[in-house]
């Protein structure tokens, strides 16, 4: 994967997770990505980047934001997630 795209995806996840955490604190619930975009908390261009699409899901004790790679037979790409801790993790990677 292009390193610029990887940095951009991780940056997008951090921004979405920060907006989601703010929404969660203010409303006591998780917002969909569409709700975050329509409220202006996240830029409309943050629905995805390059070969990625973003989504927000509820998780135990909070939420998770995902960057999922679209089907790419030419060049597979890793998937990432972030949660209310605002830490980005590679999905499926073992933590040290």
C-alpha atoms as a PDB file:
ATOM      1  CA  UNK A   1       0.000   0.000   0.000  1.00  0.00           C
ATOM      2  CA  UNK A   2       1.052   3.534  -0.706  1.00  0.00           C
ATOM      3  CA  UNK A   3       2.459   5.009   2.549  1.00  0.00           C
ATOM      4  CA  UNK A   4       0.644   8.312   1.936  1.00  0.00           C
ATOM      5  CA  UNK A   5      -2.686   6.488   1.692  1.00  0.00           C
ATOM      6  CA  UNK A   6      -1.912   4.521   4.860  1.00  0.00           C
ATOM      7  CA  UNK A   7      -1.166   7.701   6.811  1.00  0.00           C
ATOM      8  CA  UNK A   8      -4.301   9.336   5.386  1.00  0.00           C
ATOM      9  CA  UNK A   9      -6.512   6.396   6.377  1.00  0.00           C
ATOM     10  CA  UNK A  10      -5.111   6.370   9.913  1.00  0.00           C
ATOM     11  CA  UNK A  11      -5.553  10.147  10.199  1.00  0.00           C
ATOM     12  CA  UNK A  12      -9.154   9.853   8.974  1.00  0.00           C
ATOM     13  CA  UNK A  13      -9.863   7.152  11.574  1.00  0.00           C
ATOM     14  CA  UNK A  14      -8.490   9.343  14.361  1.00  0.00           C
ATOM     15  CA  UNK A  15     -10.643  12.292  13.239  1.00  0.00           C
ATOM     16  CA  UNK A  16     -13.774  10.139  12.969  1.00  0.00           C
ATOM     17  CA  UNK A  17     -13.101   8.502  16.359  1.00  0.00           C
ATOM     18  CA  UNK A  18     -12.612  11.923  17.994  1.00  0.00           C
ATOM     19  CA  UNK A  19     -15.894  13.176  16.515  1.00  0.00           C
ATOM     20  CA  UNK A  20     -17.645   9.983  17.609  1.00  0.00           C
ATOM     21  CA  UNK A  21     -16.264  10.233  21.147  1.00  0.00           C
ATOM     22  CA  UNK A  22     -17.499  13.827  21.399  1.00  0.00           C
ATOM     23  CA  UNK A  23     -20.933  12.792  20.097  1.00  0.00           C
ATOM     24  CA  UNK A  24     -21.022   9.844  22.511  1.00  0.00           C
ATOM     25  CA  UNK A  25     -20.209  12.077  25.518  1.00  0.00           C
ATOM     26  CA  UNK A  26     -22.768  14.710  24.494  1.00  0.00           C
ATOM     27  CA  UNK A  27     -25.616  12.347  23.511  1.00  0.00           C
ATOM     28  CA  UNK A  28     -24.915   9.110  25.391  1.00  0.00           C
ATOM     29  CA  UNK A  29     -25.170   7.115  22.181  1.00  0.00           C
ATOM     30  CA  UNK A  30     -23.168   6.287  19.081  1.00  0.00           C
ATOM     31  CA  UNK A  31     -23.811   8.195  15.850  1.00  0.00           C
ATOM     32  CA  UNK A  32     -23.668   6.684  12.396  1.00  0.00           C
ATOM     33  CA  UNK A  33     -21.032   7.999  10.017  1.00  0.00           C
ATOM     34  CA  UNK A  34     -23.850   9.668   8.049  1.00  0.00           C
ATOM     35  CA  UNK A  35     -24.989  11.471  11.216  1.00  0.00           C
ATOM     36  CA  UNK A  36     -21.452  12.660  11.921  1.00  0.00           C
ATOM     37  CA  UNK A  37     -21.125  13.921   8.354  1.00  0.00           C
ATOM     38  CA  UNK A  38     -24.533  15.639   8.279  1.00  0.00           C
ATOM     39  CA  UNK A  39     -23.841  17.369  11.611  1.00  0.00           C
ATOM     40  CA  UNK A  40     -20.545  18.714  10.270  1.00  0.00           C
ATOM     41  CA  UNK A  41     -18.501  16.827  12.870  1.00  0.00           C
ATOM     42  CA  UNK A  42     -16.756  14.938  10.047  1.00  0.00           C
ATOM     43  CA  UNK A  43     -16.063  16.226   6.550  1.00  0.00           C
ATOM     44  CA  UNK A  44     -18.159  14.625   3.809  1.00  0.00           C
ATOM     45  CA  UNK A  45     -14.960  13.431   2.135  1.00  0.00           C
ATOM     46  CA  UNK A  46     -14.280  11.233   5.159  1.00  0.00           C
ATOM     47  CA  UNK A  47     -16.574   8.421   3.990  1.00  0.00           C
ATOM     48  CA  UNK A  48     -13.549   6.719   2.508  1.00  0.00           C
ATOM     49  CA  UNK A  49     -10.186   7.133   0.850  1.00  0.00           C
ATOM     50  CA  UNK A  50      -8.462   5.372  -2.041  1.00  0.00           C
ATOM     51  CA  UNK A  51      -9.463   1.704  -1.742  1.00  0.00           C
ATOM     52  CA  UNK A  52     -11.102   2.086   1.710  1.00  0.00           C
ATOM     53  CA  UNK A  53     -14.589   2.643   3.047  1.00  0.00           C
ATOM     54  CA  UNK A  54     -15.272   3.800   6.598  1.00  0.00           C
ATOM     55  CA  UNK A  55     -17.962   2.702   9.031  1.00  0.00           C
ATOM     56  CA  UNK A  56     -18.903   3.201  12.676  1.00  0.00           C
ATOM     57  CA  UNK A  57     -20.258   0.365  14.808  1.00  0.00           C
ATOM     58  CA  UNK A  58     -21.283   0.029  18.416  1.00  0.00           C
ATOM     59  CA  UNK A  59     -18.930  -2.030  20.545  1.00  0.00           C
ATOM     60  CA  UNK A  60     -18.924  -3.119  24.194  1.00  0.00           C
ATOM     61  CA  UNK A  61     -18.428   0.034  26.228  1.00  0.00           C
ATOM     62  CA  UNK A  62     -18.419   2.378  23.255  1.00  0.00           C
ATOM     63  CA  UNK A  63     -17.823   2.264  19.534  1.00  0.00           C
ATOM     64  CA  UNK A  64     -15.394   1.190  16.842  1.00  0.00           C
ATOM     65  CA  UNK A  65     -14.545   2.962  13.594  1.00  0.00           C
ATOM     66  CA  UNK A  66     -13.369   0.762  10.738  1.00  0.00           C
ATOM     67  CA  UNK A  67     -11.416   1.362   7.539  1.00  0.00           C
ATOM     68  CA  UNK A  68     -12.188  -1.629   5.379  1.00  0.00           C
ATOM     69  CA  UNK A  69     -10.375  -2.379   2.179  1.00  0.00           C
ATOM     70  CA  UNK A  70     -12.559  -2.795  -0.879  1.00  0.00           C
ATOM     71  CA  UNK A  71     -12.028  -5.992  -2.819  1.00  0.00           C
ATOM     72  CA  UNK A  72      -8.642  -5.545  -4.426  1.00  0.00           C
ATOM     73  CA  UNK A  73      -7.201  -8.449  -6.338  1.00  0.00           C
ATOM     74  CA  UNK A  74      -4.338  -6.339  -7.671  1.00  0.00           C
ATOM     75  CA  UNK A  75      -2.939  -5.140  -4.342  1.00  0.00           C
ATOM     76  CA  UNK A  76      -4.439  -6.334  -1.054  1.00  0.00           C
ATOM     77  CA  UNK A  77      -4.492  -3.740   1.671  1.00  0.00           C
ATOM     78  CA  UNK A  78      -4.665  -3.984   5.466  1.00  0.00           C
ATOM     79  CA  UNK A  79      -7.761  -2.960   7.392  1.00  0.00           C
ATOM     80  CA  UNK A  80      -7.724  -0.702  10.444  1.00  0.00           C
ATOM     81  CA  UNK A  81      -9.930   0.221  13.385  1.00  0.00           C
ATOM     82  CA  UNK A  82     -10.040   2.789  16.168  1.00  0.00           C
ATOM     83  CA  UNK A  83     -12.245   3.051  19.245  1.00  0.00           C
ATOM     84  CA  UNK A  84     -13.009   5.518  22.026  1.00  0.00           C
ATOM     85  CA  UNK A  85      -9.332   5.376  23.084  1.00  0.00           C
ATOM     86  CA  UNK A  86      -8.516   7.010  19.700  1.00  0.00           C
ATOM     87  CA  UNK A  87      -5.840   4.380  19.095  1.00  0.00           C
ATOM     88  CA  UNK A  88      -5.577   2.962  15.566  1.00  0.00           C
ATOM     89  CA  UNK A  89      -5.017  -0.781  15.248  1.00  0.00           C
ATOM     90  CA  UNK A  90      -4.514  -3.024  12.263  1.00  0.00           C
ATOM     91  CA  UNK A  91      -7.474  -5.420  12.130  1.00  0.00           C
ATOM     92  CA  UNK A  92      -6.324  -8.985  12.557  1.00  0.00           C
ATOM     93  CA  UNK A  93      -2.831  -8.009  13.705  1.00  0.00           C
ATOM     94  CA  UNK A  94      -1.644  -9.409  17.005  1.00  0.00           C
ATOM     95  CA  UNK A  95      -0.951  -6.793  19.627  1.00  0.00           C
ATOM     96  CA  UNK A  96       2.499  -6.880  21.280  1.00  0.00           C
END
